């Protein structure tokens, strides 16, 4: 078994579907149009890796580490359970990704950027997302309960419902046009 790190390699159109990746380190690698559907990438470490147009539907990620700013661009991460990942030094940016039904429940992902992403029913309950940014993101039915969202930028996010009474929102940024997402529980009418 090769336990040496894989450094600066490009993986194009690879099908890892249903496979178990070896528990090694990938450093500065790029994965383009790769299929990780139902793959097991548990105990794998990704350092400064980029994933472009990859499919991570139903991937298993127990103790998987994403560090040194991993970037996901136009990836499909349906039902991805990040809450089972290693959150030590977690560092990632999501651009144009579909994160529907993903879970970050109880996870620590400070200063994470979500740009032009769709997060339908994504679970951030009990997570620490302080300092993160949701730029032009659709947060329809996204779950925020006991979430530390201090200093999070929601100013261009839309379709969110966040109860300020059960979440930490000190210093969070919202746009005036989307305030109904904070006041939904009061059943107010906005015109």
N, C-alpha and C. Protein backbone atom coordinates (compact mmCIF):
# COMPACT_ATOMS: atom_id res chain seq x y z
N UNK A 1 0.83 -1.19 0.00
CA UNK A 1 0.00 0.00 0.00
C UNK A 1 0.87 1.24 0.00
N UNK A 2 0.55 2.19 -0.84
CA UNK A 2 1.30 3.44 -0.95
C UNK A 2 0.81 4.41 0.11
N UNK A 3 1.70 4.73 1.09
CA UNK A 3 1.29 5.68 2.11
C UNK A 3 2.02 7.02 1.95
N UNK A 4 2.67 7.21 0.81
CA UNK A 4 3.33 8.48 0.53
C UNK A 4 2.31 9.48 0.00
N UNK A 5 2.47 10.76 0.32
CA UNK A 5 1.52 11.75 -0.19
C UNK A 5 1.56 11.86 -1.71
N UNK A 6 0.42 12.19 -2.26
CA UNK A 6 0.32 12.44 -3.69
C UNK A 6 0.34 13.97 -3.86
N UNK A 7 1.33 14.46 -4.57
CA UNK A 7 1.56 15.91 -4.63
C UNK A 7 1.41 16.42 -6.06
N UNK A 8 0.66 17.53 -6.20
CA UNK A 8 0.50 18.28 -7.46
C UNK A 8 0.14 17.40 -8.66
N UNK A 9 -0.80 16.50 -8.47
CA UNK A 9 -1.27 15.68 -9.59
C UNK A 9 -2.65 16.15 -10.03
N UNK A 10 -2.93 15.94 -11.30
CA UNK A 10 -4.24 16.27 -11.86
C UNK A 10 -4.99 14.97 -12.15
N UNK A 11 -6.23 14.92 -11.69
CA UNK A 11 -7.09 13.77 -11.92
C UNK A 11 -8.26 14.24 -12.77
N UNK A 12 -8.38 13.73 -13.98
CA UNK A 12 -9.42 14.17 -14.92
C UNK A 12 -10.32 13.00 -15.28
N UNK A 13 -11.64 13.22 -15.17
CA UNK A 13 -12.63 12.21 -15.58
C UNK A 13 -12.43 10.85 -14.92
N UNK A 14 -11.99 10.85 -13.67
CA UNK A 14 -11.79 9.59 -12.94
C UNK A 14 -13.09 9.17 -12.28
N UNK A 15 -13.37 7.88 -12.29
CA UNK A 15 -14.56 7.36 -11.65
C UNK A 15 -14.16 6.60 -10.38
N UNK A 16 -14.35 7.27 -9.22
CA UNK A 16 -14.06 6.66 -7.93
C UNK A 16 -15.33 6.10 -7.30
N UNK A 17 -16.41 6.09 -8.05
CA UNK A 17 -17.73 5.69 -7.55
C UNK A 17 -17.69 4.32 -6.88
N UNK A 18 -18.19 4.27 -5.63
CA UNK A 18 -18.27 3.02 -4.91
C UNK A 18 -16.95 2.48 -4.40
N UNK A 19 -15.85 3.20 -4.63
CA UNK A 19 -14.53 2.72 -4.22
C UNK A 19 -14.13 3.27 -2.86
N UNK A 20 -13.17 2.63 -2.22
CA UNK A 20 -12.55 3.13 -1.00
C UNK A 20 -11.19 3.69 -1.37
N UNK A 21 -11.02 5.02 -1.20
CA UNK A 21 -9.72 5.62 -1.46
C UNK A 21 -8.77 5.30 -0.31
N UNK A 22 -7.49 5.06 -0.61
CA UNK A 22 -6.54 4.77 0.46
C UNK A 22 -6.41 5.98 1.39
N UNK A 23 -6.14 5.73 2.66
CA UNK A 23 -6.02 6.78 3.67
C UNK A 23 -4.68 7.48 3.56
N UNK A 24 -4.55 8.32 2.53
CA UNK A 24 -3.31 9.03 2.30
C UNK A 24 -3.59 10.53 2.19
N UNK A 25 -2.55 11.29 1.92
CA UNK A 25 -2.65 12.74 1.80
C UNK A 25 -2.50 13.16 0.35
N UNK A 26 -3.44 14.01 -0.09
CA UNK A 26 -3.35 14.62 -1.41
C UNK A 26 -3.01 16.09 -1.20
N UNK A 27 -1.90 16.53 -1.76
CA UNK A 27 -1.43 17.89 -1.55
C UNK A 27 -1.37 18.64 -2.88
N UNK A 28 -2.11 19.75 -2.97
CA UNK A 28 -2.12 20.61 -4.16
C UNK A 28 -2.53 19.85 -5.42
N UNK A 29 -3.49 18.96 -5.29
CA UNK A 29 -3.99 18.19 -6.44
C UNK A 29 -5.27 18.83 -6.98
N UNK A 30 -5.55 18.57 -8.24
CA UNK A 30 -6.77 19.06 -8.88
C UNK A 30 -7.56 17.86 -9.39
N UNK A 31 -8.85 17.84 -9.05
CA UNK A 31 -9.76 16.79 -9.50
C UNK A 31 -10.80 17.46 -10.38
N UNK A 32 -10.84 17.08 -11.66
CA UNK A 32 -11.78 17.69 -12.61
C UNK A 32 -12.71 16.62 -13.17
N UNK A 33 -14.02 16.90 -13.07
CA UNK A 33 -15.05 16.00 -13.58
C UNK A 33 -14.88 14.57 -13.06
N UNK A 34 -14.60 14.45 -11.77
CA UNK A 34 -14.43 13.13 -11.16
C UNK A 34 -15.72 12.74 -10.43
N UNK A 35 -16.00 11.44 -10.43
CA UNK A 35 -17.21 10.93 -9.81
C UNK A 35 -16.85 10.21 -8.50
N UNK A 36 -17.28 10.80 -7.37
CA UNK A 36 -17.06 10.21 -6.05
C UNK A 36 -18.38 9.65 -5.48
N UNK A 37 -19.39 9.44 -6.32
CA UNK A 37 -20.70 8.96 -5.86
C UNK A 37 -20.55 7.67 -5.05
N UNK A 38 -21.04 7.70 -3.82
CA UNK A 38 -21.00 6.56 -2.90
C UNK A 38 -19.58 6.03 -2.68
N UNK A 39 -18.57 6.86 -2.90
CA UNK A 39 -17.19 6.46 -2.61
C UNK A 39 -16.93 6.64 -1.12
N UNK A 40 -15.92 5.97 -0.63
CA UNK A 40 -15.51 6.09 0.77
C UNK A 40 -14.15 6.80 0.77
N UNK A 41 -14.18 8.08 1.16
CA UNK A 41 -12.93 8.85 1.23
C UNK A 41 -12.58 9.13 2.70
N UNK A 42 -13.01 8.23 3.57
CA UNK A 42 -12.75 8.37 5.00
C UNK A 42 -11.25 8.35 5.29
N UNK A 43 -10.86 9.14 6.25
CA UNK A 43 -9.48 9.24 6.75
C UNK A 43 -8.48 9.64 5.65
N UNK A 44 -8.98 10.36 4.64
CA UNK A 44 -8.11 10.91 3.59
C UNK A 44 -7.91 12.39 3.92
N UNK A 45 -6.71 12.91 3.68
CA UNK A 45 -6.42 14.32 3.92
C UNK A 45 -6.20 15.01 2.59
N UNK A 46 -6.94 16.10 2.38
CA UNK A 46 -6.78 16.93 1.18
C UNK A 46 -6.23 18.28 1.62
N UNK A 47 -5.04 18.63 1.12
CA UNK A 47 -4.42 19.91 1.43
C UNK A 47 -4.37 20.76 0.17
N UNK A 48 -4.99 21.92 0.21
CA UNK A 48 -4.95 22.88 -0.90
C UNK A 48 -5.35 22.22 -2.23
N UNK A 49 -6.36 21.38 -2.19
CA UNK A 49 -6.83 20.69 -3.40
C UNK A 49 -8.02 21.44 -4.01
N UNK A 50 -8.20 21.27 -5.31
CA UNK A 50 -9.31 21.89 -6.03
C UNK A 50 -10.13 20.79 -6.68
N UNK A 51 -11.44 20.91 -6.51
CA UNK A 51 -12.39 19.95 -7.09
C UNK A 51 -13.29 20.74 -8.04
N UNK A 52 -13.27 20.40 -9.32
CA UNK A 52 -14.05 21.12 -10.33
C UNK A 52 -15.02 20.15 -11.01
N UNK A 53 -16.30 20.50 -11.00
CA UNK A 53 -17.34 19.69 -11.66
C UNK A 53 -17.33 18.23 -11.18
N UNK A 54 -17.11 18.03 -9.88
CA UNK A 54 -17.09 16.67 -9.33
C UNK A 54 -18.43 16.35 -8.67
N UNK A 55 -18.73 15.06 -8.62
CA UNK A 55 -19.97 14.58 -8.00
C UNK A 55 -19.62 13.82 -6.72
N UNK A 56 -20.09 14.37 -5.58
CA UNK A 56 -19.85 13.75 -4.27
C UNK A 56 -21.14 13.23 -3.66
N UNK A 57 -22.13 12.88 -4.45
CA UNK A 57 -23.40 12.41 -3.94
C UNK A 57 -23.20 11.16 -3.08
N UNK A 58 -23.72 11.20 -1.88
CA UNK A 58 -23.67 10.08 -0.93
C UNK A 58 -22.25 9.59 -0.63
N UNK A 59 -21.29 10.49 -0.66
CA UNK A 59 -19.91 10.11 -0.35
C UNK A 59 -19.77 9.89 1.16
N UNK A 60 -18.91 8.97 1.56
CA UNK A 60 -18.63 8.74 2.97
C UNK A 60 -17.33 9.46 3.32
N UNK A 61 -17.40 10.33 4.36
CA UNK A 61 -16.24 11.18 4.68
C UNK A 61 -15.90 11.14 6.17
N UNK A 62 -15.85 9.99 6.80
CA UNK A 62 -15.53 9.92 8.22
C UNK A 62 -14.06 10.28 8.45
N UNK A 63 -13.88 11.33 9.24
CA UNK A 63 -12.54 11.84 9.58
C UNK A 63 -11.73 12.29 8.36
N UNK A 64 -12.41 12.63 7.28
CA UNK A 64 -11.74 13.21 6.12
C UNK A 64 -11.35 14.64 6.47
N UNK A 65 -10.17 15.07 6.04
CA UNK A 65 -9.69 16.42 6.36
C UNK A 65 -9.57 17.24 5.07
N UNK A 66 -10.12 18.46 5.12
CA UNK A 66 -9.97 19.44 4.04
C UNK A 66 -9.26 20.64 4.66
N UNK A 67 -8.01 20.86 4.29
CA UNK A 67 -7.20 21.91 4.92
C UNK A 67 -6.48 22.76 3.88
N UNK A 68 -5.98 23.89 4.36
CA UNK A 68 -5.20 24.83 3.53
C UNK A 68 -5.98 25.29 2.31
N UNK A 69 -7.25 25.60 2.53
CA UNK A 69 -8.14 26.17 1.50
C UNK A 69 -8.37 25.25 0.32
N UNK A 70 -9.14 24.22 0.55
CA UNK A 70 -9.63 23.38 -0.55
C UNK A 70 -10.77 24.13 -1.23
N UNK A 71 -10.87 24.00 -2.54
CA UNK A 71 -11.89 24.72 -3.29
C UNK A 71 -12.76 23.72 -4.05
N UNK A 72 -14.07 23.89 -3.90
CA UNK A 72 -15.05 23.09 -4.62
C UNK A 72 -15.75 24.03 -5.61
N UNK A 73 -15.61 23.79 -6.92
CA UNK A 73 -16.23 24.62 -7.94
C UNK A 73 -17.22 23.79 -8.75
N UNK A 74 -18.47 24.25 -8.77
CA UNK A 74 -19.53 23.60 -9.55
C UNK A 74 -19.64 22.10 -9.23
N UNK A 75 -19.50 21.79 -7.97
CA UNK A 75 -19.58 20.39 -7.54
C UNK A 75 -20.98 20.07 -7.02
N UNK A 76 -21.34 18.81 -7.14
CA UNK A 76 -22.61 18.30 -6.64
C UNK A 76 -22.29 17.55 -5.35
N UNK A 77 -22.78 18.09 -4.21
CA UNK A 77 -22.50 17.51 -2.90
C UNK A 77 -23.81 17.17 -2.19
N UNK A 78 -24.71 16.51 -2.92
CA UNK A 78 -26.03 16.18 -2.38
C UNK A 78 -25.90 15.22 -1.21
N UNK A 79 -26.43 15.63 -0.06
CA UNK A 79 -26.41 14.77 1.11
C UNK A 79 -25.04 14.53 1.71
N UNK A 80 -24.05 15.32 1.33
CA UNK A 80 -22.69 15.14 1.87
C UNK A 80 -22.70 15.43 3.37
N UNK A 81 -22.16 14.51 4.16
CA UNK A 81 -22.17 14.66 5.61
C UNK A 81 -20.81 15.17 6.09
N UNK A 82 -20.65 16.48 6.05
CA UNK A 82 -19.41 17.09 6.51
C UNK A 82 -19.26 16.98 8.03
N UNK A 83 -20.36 16.78 8.73
CA UNK A 83 -20.29 16.70 10.19
C UNK A 83 -19.47 15.49 10.66
N UNK A 84 -19.23 14.53 9.78
CA UNK A 84 -18.40 13.39 10.15
C UNK A 84 -16.93 13.59 9.77
N UNK A 85 -16.64 14.74 9.11
CA UNK A 85 -15.25 15.05 8.73
C UNK A 85 -14.44 15.50 9.95
N UNK A 86 -13.15 15.57 9.76
CA UNK A 86 -12.25 16.12 10.77
C UNK A 86 -12.33 17.65 10.65
N UNK A 87 -12.80 18.33 11.70
CA UNK A 87 -12.94 19.78 11.60
C UNK A 87 -11.68 20.54 12.03
N UNK A 88 -10.62 19.83 12.43
CA UNK A 88 -9.38 20.50 12.81
C UNK A 88 -8.78 21.19 11.60
N UNK A 89 -8.67 22.51 11.67
CA UNK A 89 -8.12 23.36 10.60
C UNK A 89 -8.91 23.23 9.29
N UNK A 90 -10.21 22.90 9.37
CA UNK A 90 -11.04 22.82 8.17
C UNK A 90 -10.98 24.15 7.43
N UNK A 91 -10.73 24.08 6.14
CA UNK A 91 -10.65 25.29 5.32
C UNK A 91 -11.10 24.96 3.91
N UNK A 92 -12.26 25.56 3.53
CA UNK A 92 -12.80 25.27 2.20
C UNK A 92 -13.60 26.45 1.68
N UNK A 93 -13.68 26.53 0.37
CA UNK A 93 -14.53 27.50 -0.32
C UNK A 93 -15.39 26.72 -1.28
N UNK A 94 -16.69 27.07 -1.32
CA UNK A 94 -17.64 26.41 -2.21
C UNK A 94 -18.14 27.45 -3.21
N UNK A 95 -17.92 27.22 -4.51
CA UNK A 95 -18.35 28.15 -5.55
C UNK A 95 -19.28 27.44 -6.53
N UNK A 96 -20.50 27.96 -6.65
CA UNK A 96 -21.44 27.39 -7.61
C UNK A 96 -21.80 25.95 -7.34
N UNK A 97 -21.77 25.54 -6.09
CA UNK A 97 -22.02 24.14 -5.73
C UNK A 97 -23.47 23.90 -5.34
N UNK A 98 -23.89 22.66 -5.51
CA UNK A 98 -25.20 22.21 -5.05
C UNK A 98 -24.97 21.40 -3.78
N UNK A 99 -25.36 21.98 -2.63
CA UNK A 99 -25.15 21.35 -1.33
C UNK A 99 -26.48 20.96 -0.69
N UNK A 100 -27.47 20.65 -1.50
CA UNK A 100 -28.78 20.28 -0.98
C UNK A 100 -28.66 19.07 -0.05
N UNK A 101 -29.35 19.16 1.09
CA UNK A 101 -29.43 18.09 2.08
C UNK A 101 -28.08 17.72 2.70
N UNK A 102 -27.07 18.58 2.53
CA UNK A 102 -25.77 18.34 3.16
C UNK A 102 -25.89 18.61 4.66
N UNK A 103 -24.97 18.08 5.43
CA UNK A 103 -25.00 18.30 6.87
C UNK A 103 -23.65 18.81 7.37
N UNK A 104 -23.74 19.92 8.11
CA UNK A 104 -22.61 20.47 8.85
C UNK A 104 -22.99 20.50 10.33
N UNK A 105 -23.91 19.63 10.73
CA UNK A 105 -24.45 19.62 12.09
C UNK A 105 -23.33 19.50 13.13
N UNK A 106 -23.25 20.49 14.01
CA UNK A 106 -22.26 20.47 15.08
C UNK A 106 -20.83 20.65 14.61
N UNK A 107 -20.64 21.05 13.37
CA UNK A 107 -19.30 21.15 12.76
C UNK A 107 -18.74 22.55 12.94
N UNK A 108 -17.45 22.67 12.98
CA UNK A 108 -16.80 23.97 13.07
C UNK A 108 -16.20 24.33 11.71
N UNK A 109 -16.82 25.32 11.05
CA UNK A 109 -16.34 25.75 9.74
C UNK A 109 -16.27 27.27 9.69
N UNK A 110 -15.47 27.83 10.54
CA UNK A 110 -15.31 29.28 10.60
C UNK A 110 -14.72 29.81 9.30
N UNK A 111 -15.15 31.03 8.94
CA UNK A 111 -14.59 31.75 7.79
C UNK A 111 -14.68 30.99 6.48
N UNK A 112 -15.73 30.22 6.31
CA UNK A 112 -15.94 29.46 5.08
C UNK A 112 -16.74 30.29 4.10
N UNK A 113 -16.38 30.24 2.83
CA UNK A 113 -17.09 31.00 1.81
C UNK A 113 -17.97 30.08 0.98
N UNK A 114 -19.25 30.48 0.87
CA UNK A 114 -20.21 29.83 0.00
C UNK A 114 -20.60 30.89 -1.03
N UNK A 115 -20.27 30.68 -2.29
CA UNK A 115 -20.51 31.68 -3.33
C UNK A 115 -21.38 31.07 -4.42
N UNK A 116 -22.54 31.69 -4.66
CA UNK A 116 -23.46 31.23 -5.71
C UNK A 116 -23.84 29.75 -5.54
N UNK A 117 -24.09 29.35 -4.30
CA UNK A 117 -24.43 27.96 -4.01
C UNK A 117 -25.91 27.79 -3.70
N UNK A 118 -26.38 26.57 -3.88
CA UNK A 118 -27.74 26.20 -3.51
C UNK A 118 -27.63 25.25 -2.33
N UNK A 119 -28.31 25.62 -1.21
CA UNK A 119 -28.20 24.85 0.03
C UNK A 119 -29.59 24.48 0.54
N UNK A 120 -30.36 23.78 -0.25
CA UNK A 120 -31.71 23.38 0.12
C UNK A 120 -31.67 22.41 1.30
N UNK A 121 -32.32 22.78 2.39
CA UNK A 121 -32.42 21.96 3.60
C UNK A 121 -31.07 21.50 4.14
N UNK A 122 -30.04 22.28 3.93
CA UNK A 122 -28.72 21.97 4.49
C UNK A 122 -28.76 22.22 5.99
N UNK A 123 -28.09 21.38 6.76
CA UNK A 123 -28.17 21.42 8.22
C UNK A 123 -26.93 22.08 8.82
N UNK A 124 -27.15 23.27 9.43
CA UNK A 124 -26.09 23.97 10.17
C UNK A 124 -26.42 24.01 11.66
N UNK A 125 -27.33 23.16 12.14
CA UNK A 125 -27.70 23.16 13.55
C UNK A 125 -26.47 22.88 14.41
N UNK A 126 -26.33 23.67 15.48
CA UNK A 126 -25.25 23.53 16.46
C UNK A 126 -23.86 23.68 15.85
N UNK A 127 -23.77 24.22 14.64
CA UNK A 127 -22.48 24.43 13.99
C UNK A 127 -21.90 25.79 14.38
N UNK A 128 -20.61 25.92 14.20
CA UNK A 128 -19.94 27.21 14.39
C UNK A 128 -19.52 27.68 13.00
N UNK A 129 -20.25 28.69 12.48
CA UNK A 129 -19.99 29.20 11.13
C UNK A 129 -19.54 30.65 11.18
N UNK A 130 -19.08 31.11 12.33
CA UNK A 130 -18.72 32.51 12.52
C UNK A 130 -17.71 32.97 11.47
N UNK A 131 -17.93 34.20 10.99
CA UNK A 131 -17.03 34.79 9.99
C UNK A 131 -17.21 34.26 8.59
N UNK A 132 -18.18 33.38 8.38
CA UNK A 132 -18.40 32.81 7.04
C UNK A 132 -19.18 33.77 6.16
N UNK A 133 -19.29 33.44 4.89
CA UNK A 133 -19.99 34.30 3.93
C UNK A 133 -20.88 33.43 3.04
N UNK A 134 -22.13 33.89 2.86
CA UNK A 134 -23.07 33.23 1.95
C UNK A 134 -23.40 34.24 0.86
N UNK A 135 -22.58 34.29 -0.18
CA UNK A 135 -22.74 35.28 -1.24
C UNK A 135 -23.65 34.72 -2.34
N UNK A 136 -24.79 35.39 -2.55
CA UNK A 136 -25.76 34.98 -3.58
C UNK A 136 -26.17 33.51 -3.44
N UNK A 137 -26.39 33.08 -2.21
CA UNK A 137 -26.74 31.69 -1.95
C UNK A 137 -28.23 31.54 -1.66
N UNK A 138 -28.81 30.46 -2.18
CA UNK A 138 -30.19 30.10 -1.91
C UNK A 138 -30.21 29.20 -0.68
N UNK A 139 -30.79 29.71 0.43
CA UNK A 139 -30.82 28.99 1.69
C UNK A 139 -32.22 28.49 2.03
N UNK A 140 -32.96 28.07 1.02
CA UNK A 140 -34.32 27.58 1.22
C UNK A 140 -34.33 26.41 2.20
N UNK A 141 -35.10 26.57 3.26
CA UNK A 141 -35.29 25.54 4.30
C UNK A 141 -33.98 25.09 4.96
N UNK A 142 -32.93 25.89 4.85
CA UNK A 142 -31.68 25.56 5.52
C UNK A 142 -31.89 25.66 7.02
N UNK A 143 -31.31 24.74 7.77
CA UNK A 143 -31.55 24.65 9.21
C UNK A 143 -30.47 25.38 9.99
N UNK A 144 -30.93 26.40 10.74
CA UNK A 144 -30.08 27.14 11.66
C UNK A 144 -30.74 27.03 13.04
N UNK A 145 -30.20 26.21 13.92
CA UNK A 145 -30.71 26.05 15.28
C UNK A 145 -29.52 25.91 16.22
N UNK A 146 -29.43 26.80 17.19
CA UNK A 146 -28.29 26.83 18.11
C UNK A 146 -26.99 26.97 17.34
N UNK A 147 -27.06 27.72 16.25
CA UNK A 147 -25.90 27.93 15.38
C UNK A 147 -25.16 29.19 15.79
N UNK A 148 -23.84 29.13 15.84
CA UNK A 148 -23.05 30.33 16.08
C UNK A 148 -22.75 30.95 14.72
N UNK A 149 -23.54 31.98 14.38
CA UNK A 149 -23.40 32.65 13.09
C UNK A 149 -22.94 34.10 13.29
N UNK A 150 -22.12 34.31 14.30
CA UNK A 150 -21.61 35.66 14.56
C UNK A 150 -20.72 36.11 13.41
N UNK A 151 -20.93 37.37 13.01
CA UNK A 151 -20.14 38.01 11.94
C UNK A 151 -20.25 37.30 10.60
N UNK A 152 -21.34 36.55 10.39
CA UNK A 152 -21.56 35.90 9.10
C UNK A 152 -22.20 36.92 8.15
N UNK A 153 -21.77 36.91 6.91
CA UNK A 153 -22.33 37.81 5.91
C UNK A 153 -23.44 37.10 5.13
N UNK A 154 -24.68 37.47 5.47
CA UNK A 154 -25.86 36.96 4.78
C UNK A 154 -26.44 38.04 3.85
N UNK A 155 -25.70 39.11 3.59
CA UNK A 155 -26.27 40.29 2.92
C UNK A 155 -26.80 40.01 1.52
N UNK A 156 -26.27 39.04 0.82
CA UNK A 156 -26.79 38.74 -0.52
C UNK A 156 -27.43 37.35 -0.58
N UNK A 157 -27.54 36.69 0.57
CA UNK A 157 -28.23 35.39 0.63
C UNK A 157 -29.73 35.62 0.56
N UNK A 158 -30.46 34.58 0.16
CA UNK A 158 -31.91 34.73 0.05
C UNK A 158 -32.61 33.42 0.42
N UNK A 159 -33.90 33.55 0.68
CA UNK A 159 -34.78 32.42 1.05
C UNK A 159 -34.40 31.77 2.39
N UNK A 160 -33.74 32.51 3.27
CA UNK A 160 -33.39 31.95 4.57
C UNK A 160 -34.47 32.25 5.60
N UNK A 161 -34.54 31.40 6.61
CA UNK A 161 -35.36 31.64 7.80
C UNK A 161 -34.46 31.33 9.00
N UNK A 162 -34.14 32.38 9.75
CA UNK A 162 -33.24 32.24 10.89
C UNK A 162 -33.90 32.88 12.11
N UNK A 163 -34.07 32.12 13.15
CA UNK A 163 -34.67 32.64 14.37
C UNK A 163 -33.58 33.24 15.25
N UNK A 164 -33.57 34.58 15.41
CA UNK A 164 -32.54 35.23 16.23
C UNK A 164 -32.58 34.82 17.71
N UNK A 165 -33.70 34.27 18.15
CA UNK A 165 -33.82 33.89 19.56
C UNK A 165 -33.08 32.59 19.88
N UNK A 166 -32.82 31.76 18.88
CA UNK A 166 -32.16 30.47 19.15
C UNK A 166 -30.82 30.32 18.43
N UNK A 167 -30.31 31.43 17.86
CA UNK A 167 -29.02 31.41 17.18
C UNK A 167 -28.19 32.61 17.63
N UNK A 168 -26.88 32.49 17.56
CA UNK A 168 -25.99 33.59 17.91
C UNK A 168 -25.68 34.37 16.63
N UNK A 169 -26.15 35.61 16.57
CA UNK A 169 -26.05 36.40 15.35
C UNK A 169 -25.32 37.73 15.54
N UNK A 170 -24.63 37.91 16.65
CA UNK A 170 -23.95 39.18 16.90
C UNK A 170 -22.99 39.52 15.76
N UNK A 171 -23.19 40.71 15.20
CA UNK A 171 -22.32 41.18 14.12
C UNK A 171 -22.62 40.57 12.76
N UNK A 172 -23.65 39.72 12.65
CA UNK A 172 -24.01 39.15 11.35
C UNK A 172 -24.58 40.26 10.46
N UNK A 173 -24.37 40.13 9.16
CA UNK A 173 -24.79 41.15 8.21
C UNK A 173 -25.95 40.63 7.37
N UNK A 174 -27.02 41.42 7.32
CA UNK A 174 -28.21 41.08 6.54
C UNK A 174 -28.58 42.28 5.68
N UNK A 175 -29.25 42.04 4.56
CA UNK A 175 -29.75 43.16 3.76
C UNK A 175 -31.13 43.54 4.27
N UNK A 176 -31.46 44.80 4.11
CA UNK A 176 -32.78 45.29 4.55
C UNK A 176 -33.90 44.62 3.76
N UNK A 177 -33.64 44.23 2.53
CA UNK A 177 -34.69 43.64 1.70
C UNK A 177 -35.02 42.20 2.08
N UNK A 178 -34.17 41.56 2.87
CA UNK A 178 -34.43 40.17 3.25
C UNK A 178 -34.67 40.00 4.75
N UNK A 179 -35.10 41.04 5.42
CA UNK A 179 -35.34 40.95 6.86
C UNK A 179 -36.47 40.00 7.22
N UNK A 180 -37.39 39.76 6.29
CA UNK A 180 -38.49 38.84 6.59
C UNK A 180 -37.98 37.47 6.98
N UNK A 181 -36.78 37.10 6.53
CA UNK A 181 -36.20 35.81 6.90
C UNK A 181 -35.82 35.73 8.37
N UNK A 182 -35.66 36.88 9.02
CA UNK A 182 -35.36 36.91 10.45
C UNK A 182 -36.63 37.04 11.30
N UNK A 183 -37.69 37.52 10.67
CA UNK A 183 -38.93 37.82 11.41
C UNK A 183 -40.07 36.88 11.06
N UNK A 184 -39.80 35.81 10.33
CA UNK A 184 -40.84 34.90 9.85
C UNK A 184 -41.74 34.37 10.95
N UNK A 185 -41.17 34.10 12.12
CA UNK A 185 -41.95 33.48 13.19
C UNK A 185 -43.04 34.39 13.75
N UNK A 186 -42.92 35.69 13.47
CA UNK A 186 -43.92 36.65 13.95
C UNK A 186 -45.08 36.82 12.98
N UNK A 187 -45.00 36.17 11.84
CA UNK A 187 -46.06 36.18 10.82
C UNK A 187 -46.43 37.61 10.40
N UNK A 188 -45.40 38.43 10.23
CA UNK A 188 -45.61 39.81 9.78
C UNK A 188 -45.78 39.84 8.27
N UNK A 189 -46.45 40.86 7.78
CA UNK A 189 -46.63 41.03 6.33
C UNK A 189 -45.77 42.19 5.88
N UNK A 190 -44.91 41.98 4.88
CA UNK A 190 -44.04 43.02 4.35
C UNK A 190 -44.52 43.42 2.96
N UNK A 191 -44.50 44.73 2.69
CA UNK A 191 -44.91 45.22 1.36
C UNK A 191 -43.84 46.13 0.79
